[in-house]
C-alpha atoms as a PDB file:
ATOM      1  CA  UNK A   1      26.007 -72.966 -91.422  1.00  0.00           C
ATOM      2  CA  UNK A   2      25.854 -74.975 -88.283  1.00  0.00           C
ATOM      3  CA  UNK A   3      28.316 -72.819 -86.377  1.00  0.00           C
ATOM      4  CA  UNK A   4      26.359 -69.718 -85.436  1.00  0.00           C
ATOM      5  CA  UNK A   5      28.327 -67.606 -83.000  1.00  0.00           C
ATOM      6  CA  UNK A   6      26.046 -65.988 -80.464  1.00  0.00           C
ATOM      7  CA  UNK A   7      28.487 -65.827 -77.588  1.00  0.00           C
ATOM      8  CA  UNK A   8      32.151 -66.604 -77.140  1.00  0.00           C
ATOM      9  CA  UNK A   9      33.797 -68.157 -74.131  1.00  0.00           C
ATOM     10  CA  UNK A  10      37.575 -67.743 -74.389  1.00  0.00           C
ATOM     11  CA  UNK A  11      39.374 -70.218 -72.198  1.00  0.00           C
ATOM     12  CA  UNK A  12      42.700 -71.979 -72.090  1.00  0.00           C
ATOM     13  CA  UNK A  13      44.800 -69.291 -73.824  1.00  0.00           C
ATOM     14  CA  UNK A  14      48.406 -70.384 -74.393  1.00  0.00           C
ATOM     15  CA  UNK A  15      51.275 -68.935 -76.416  1.00  0.00           C
ATOM     16  CA  UNK A  16      54.046 -71.257 -77.523  1.00  0.00           C
ATOM     17  CA  UNK A  17      56.643 -70.669 -80.259  1.00  0.00           C
ATOM     18  CA  UNK A  18      54.664 -67.742 -81.718  1.00  0.00           C
ATOM     19  CA  UNK A  19      51.448 -69.742 -81.909  1.00  0.00           C
ATOM     20  CA  UNK A  20      48.494 -68.743 -79.746  1.00  0.00           C
ATOM     21  CA  UNK A  21      46.109 -71.523 -78.758  1.00  0.00           C
ATOM     22  CA  UNK A  22      42.589 -70.537 -77.700  1.00  0.00           C
ATOM     23  CA  UNK A  23      39.664 -72.797 -76.917  1.00  0.00           C
ATOM     24  CA  UNK A  24      36.409 -71.192 -78.050  1.00  0.00           C
ATOM     25  CA  UNK A  25      32.991 -72.569 -77.141  1.00  0.00           C
ATOM     26  CA  UNK A  26      29.821 -71.452 -78.912  1.00  0.00           C
ATOM     27  CA  UNK A  27      26.214 -72.466 -78.313  1.00  0.00           C
ATOM     28  CA  UNK A  28      24.410 -74.055 -81.234  1.00  0.00           C
ATOM     29  CA  UNK A  29      20.742 -73.156 -80.811  1.00  0.00           C
ATOM     30  CA  UNK A  30      17.970 -74.262 -83.150  1.00  0.00           C
ATOM     31  CA  UNK A  31      19.875 -74.530 -86.422  1.00  0.00           C
ATOM     32  CA  UNK A  32      17.876 -76.386 -89.100  1.00  0.00           C
ATOM     33  CA  UNK A  33      19.508 -79.660 -90.131  1.00  0.00           C
ATOM     34  CA  UNK A  34      19.786 -79.542 -93.943  1.00  0.00           C
ATOM     35  CA  UNK A  35      19.795 -83.354 -94.143  1.00  0.00           C
ATOM     36  CA  UNK A  36      16.857 -84.148 -91.840  1.00  0.00           C
ATOM     37  CA  UNK A  37      13.735 -82.180 -92.679  1.00  0.00           C
ATOM     38  CA  UNK A  38      12.045 -80.700 -89.604  1.00  0.00           C
ATOM     39  CA  UNK A  39      15.019 -81.300 -87.296  1.00  0.00           C
ATOM     40  CA  UNK A  40      16.760 -78.523 -85.372  1.00  0.00           C
ATOM     41  CA  UNK A  41      20.220 -78.885 -83.874  1.00  0.00           C
ATOM     42  CA  UNK A  42      21.328 -77.854 -80.381  1.00  0.00           C
ATOM     43  CA  UNK A  43      24.550 -78.250 -78.431  1.00  0.00           C
ATOM     44  CA  UNK A  44      27.751 -76.563 -77.404  1.00  0.00           C
ATOM     45  CA  UNK A  45      30.538 -76.519 -79.968  1.00  0.00           C
ATOM     46  CA  UNK A  46      34.039 -76.273 -78.489  1.00  0.00           C
ATOM     47  CA  UNK A  47      37.106 -76.092 -80.695  1.00  0.00           C
ATOM     48  CA  UNK A  48      40.832 -75.507 -80.337  1.00  0.00           C
ATOM     49  CA  UNK A  49      42.006 -72.523 -82.372  1.00  0.00           C
ATOM     50  CA  UNK A  50      45.643 -71.935 -83.297  1.00  0.00           C
ATOM     51  CA  UNK A  51      46.645 -68.441 -84.497  1.00  0.00           C
ATOM     52  CA  UNK A  52      49.992 -67.425 -86.034  1.00  0.00           C
ATOM     53  CA  UNK A  53      50.978 -64.646 -88.469  1.00  0.00           C
ATOM     54  CA  UNK A  54      47.440 -64.068 -89.821  1.00  0.00           C
ATOM     55  CA  UNK A  55      46.930 -67.827 -90.284  1.00  0.00           C
ATOM     56  CA  UNK A  56      44.654 -69.938 -88.161  1.00  0.00           C
ATOM     57  CA  UNK A  57      43.537 -73.518 -87.761  1.00  0.00           C
ATOM     58  CA  UNK A  58      40.374 -74.576 -85.909  1.00  0.00           C
ATOM     59  CA  UNK A  59      39.840 -78.180 -84.855  1.00  0.00           C
ATOM     60  CA  UNK A  60      36.803 -79.729 -83.143  1.00  0.00           C
ATOM     61  CA  UNK A  61      37.300 -83.424 -82.479  1.00  0.00           C
ATOM     62  CA  UNK A  62      33.824 -84.268 -81.291  1.00  0.00           C
ATOM     63  CA  UNK A  63      31.248 -81.871 -79.905  1.00  0.00           C
ATOM     64  CA  UNK A  64      27.882 -83.498 -79.164  1.00  0.00           C
ATOM     65  CA  UNK A  65      24.941 -82.121 -81.156  1.00  0.00           C
ATOM     66  CA  UNK A  66      21.354 -83.182 -80.365  1.00  0.00           C
ATOM     67  CA  UNK A  67      18.420 -83.100 -82.780  1.00  0.00           C
ATOM     68  CA  UNK A  68      14.995 -81.723 -81.808  1.00  0.00           C
ATOM     69  CA  UNK A  69      11.678 -81.565 -83.671  1.00  0.00           C
ATOM     70  CA  UNK A  70      10.975 -77.967 -82.690  1.00  0.00           C
ATOM     71  CA  UNK A  71      12.935 -74.714 -82.820  1.00  0.00           C
ATOM     72  CA  UNK A  72      12.647 -74.310 -79.051  1.00  0.00           C
ATOM     73  CA  UNK A  73      14.475 -77.589 -78.413  1.00  0.00           C
ATOM     74  CA  UNK A  74      11.781 -79.219 -76.260  1.00  0.00           C
ATOM     75  CA  UNK A  75      10.851 -82.298 -78.364  1.00  0.00           C
ATOM     76  CA  UNK A  76      13.859 -84.608 -78.959  1.00  0.00           C
ATOM     77  CA  UNK A  77      14.094 -86.276 -82.358  1.00  0.00           C
ATOM     78  CA  UNK A  78      16.186 -89.093 -80.914  1.00  0.00           C
ATOM     79  CA  UNK A  79      19.178 -88.188 -83.086  1.00  0.00           C
ATOM     80  CA  UNK A  80      22.476 -87.472 -81.351  1.00  0.00           C
ATOM     81  CA  UNK A  81      25.466 -86.504 -83.476  1.00  0.00           C
ATOM     82  CA  UNK A  82      29.201 -86.123 -82.936  1.00  0.00           C
ATOM     83  CA  UNK A  83      30.628 -83.198 -84.844  1.00  0.00           C
ATOM     84  CA  UNK A  84      34.125 -83.042 -86.309  1.00  0.00           C
ATOM     85  CA  UNK A  85      35.291 -79.739 -87.797  1.00  0.00           C
ATOM     86  CA  UNK A  86      38.451 -78.366 -89.317  1.00  0.00           C
ATOM     87  CA  UNK A  87      38.840 -74.809 -90.549  1.00  0.00           C
ATOM     88  CA  UNK A  88      41.972 -73.249 -91.995  1.00  0.00           C
ATOM     89  CA  UNK A  89      42.386 -69.703 -93.172  1.00  0.00           C
ATOM     90  CA  UNK A  90      44.418 -66.586 -93.700  1.00  0.00           C
ATOM     91  CA  UNK A  91      43.420 -63.091 -92.566  1.00  0.00           C
ATOM     92  CA  UNK A  92      39.755 -63.185 -93.748  1.00  0.00           C
ATOM     93  CA  UNK A  93      40.820 -63.803 -97.356  1.00  0.00           C
ATOM     94  CA  UNK A  94      40.891 -67.599 -97.444  1.00  0.00           C
ATOM     95  CA  UNK A  95      38.859 -70.186 -95.634  1.00  0.00           C
ATOM     96  CA  UNK A  96      38.505 -73.916 -96.028  1.00  0.00           C
ATOM     97  CA  UNK A  97      35.757 -75.303 -93.788  1.00  0.00           C
ATOM     98  CA  UNK A  98      34.980 -79.009 -93.392  1.00  0.00           C
ATOM     99  CA  UNK A  99      32.294 -80.257 -91.016  1.00  0.00           C
ATOM    100  CA  UNK A 100      31.205 -83.844 -90.494  1.00  0.00           C
ATOM    101  CA  UNK A 101      28.273 -85.129 -88.453  1.00  0.00           C
ATOM    102  CA  UNK A 102      28.469 -88.727 -87.270  1.00  0.00           C
ATOM    103  CA  UNK A 103      25.559 -90.714 -85.837  1.00  0.00           C
ATOM    104  CA  UNK A 104      26.130 -94.078 -84.164  1.00  0.00           C
ATOM    105  CA  UNK A 105      29.716 -93.995 -85.432  1.00  0.00           C
ATOM    106  CA  UNK A 106      28.706 -93.529 -89.082  1.00  0.00           C
ATOM    107  CA  UNK A 107      29.225 -90.433 -91.205  1.00  0.00           C
ATOM    108  CA  UNK A 108      25.765 -89.017 -92.050  1.00  0.00           C
ATOM    109  CA  UNK A 109      26.508 -85.476 -93.239  1.00  0.00           C
ATOM    110  CA  UNK A 110      29.379 -83.434 -94.647  1.00  0.00           C
ATOM    111  CA  UNK A 111      29.433 -79.682 -95.136  1.00  0.00           C
ATOM    112  CA  UNK A 112      32.197 -78.020 -97.127  1.00  0.00           C
ATOM    113  CA  UNK A 113      32.829 -74.338 -97.649  1.00  0.00           C
ATOM    114  CA  UNK A 114      35.620 -72.807 -99.702  1.00  0.00           C
ATOM    115  CA  UNK A 115      36.110 -69.053 -99.709  1.00  0.00           C
ATOM    116  CA  UNK A 116      38.839 -67.017-101.378  1.00  0.00           C
ATOM    117  CA  UNK A 117      39.160 -63.304-102.038  1.00  0.00           C
ATOM    118  CA  UNK A 118      42.004 -61.507-103.799  1.00  0.00           C
ATOM    119  CA  UNK A 119      42.465 -57.752-103.534  1.00  0.00           C
ATOM    120  CA  UNK A 120      44.803 -55.429-105.391  1.00  0.00           C
ATOM    121  CA  UNK A 121      47.098 -52.799-103.817  1.00  0.00           C
ATOM    122  CA  UNK A 122      44.161 -50.359-103.674  1.00  0.00           C
ATOM    123  CA  UNK A 123      42.095 -52.805-101.615  1.00  0.00           C
ATOM    124  CA  UNK A 124      39.688 -53.546-104.487  1.00  0.00           C
ATOM    125  CA  UNK A 125      38.443 -57.095-104.863  1.00  0.00           C
ATOM    126  CA  UNK A 126      39.846 -58.588-108.073  1.00  0.00           C
ATOM    127  CA  UNK A 127      38.837 -62.223-107.575  1.00  0.00           C
ATOM    128  CA  UNK A 128      36.190 -63.852-105.408  1.00  0.00           C
ATOM    129  CA  UNK A 129      35.135 -67.463-104.901  1.00  0.00           C
ATOM    130  CA  UNK A 130      32.482 -68.692-102.458  1.00  0.00           C
ATOM    131  CA  UNK A 131      31.488 -72.366-102.731  1.00  0.00           C
ATOM    132  CA  UNK A 132      29.237 -74.107-100.178  1.00  0.00           C
ATOM    133  CA  UNK A 133      28.191 -77.754-100.388  1.00  0.00           C
ATOM    134  CA  UNK A 134      26.176 -80.105 -98.157  1.00  0.00           C
ATOM    135  CA  UNK A 135      26.384 -83.860 -98.708  1.00  0.00           C
ATOM    136  CA  UNK A 136      23.727 -86.001 -97.015  1.00  0.00           C
ATOM    137  CA  UNK A 137      24.546 -89.691 -96.703  1.00  0.00           C
END
């Protein structure tokens, strides 16, 4: 996945009507781009996170991601992307993850992840679904 969490910066914490809003920023360092062979992605991904009663919503309206031709991030590929992300979930049992990369205003990549786990009263997993898809345009 493109969102590798190596460090968290918690800023802008607000509580309103039982909803906690937290802005979380994570560095994106040298992630391979599944749609451009030999390209590695770098940037800082900042998203607003809303937490309430074990539910959460994460929204990133446009972090800038830059492509490089090496894992160290020293040789630019010339590609600059705007990332849009939405994640919804419930207490580590459900997640719906949608990520879009746009280049020059055009959608060039979509990543989708659906995860669901059901447990019985004993805590045993009775159903599990994990579906990941990358669409290159």
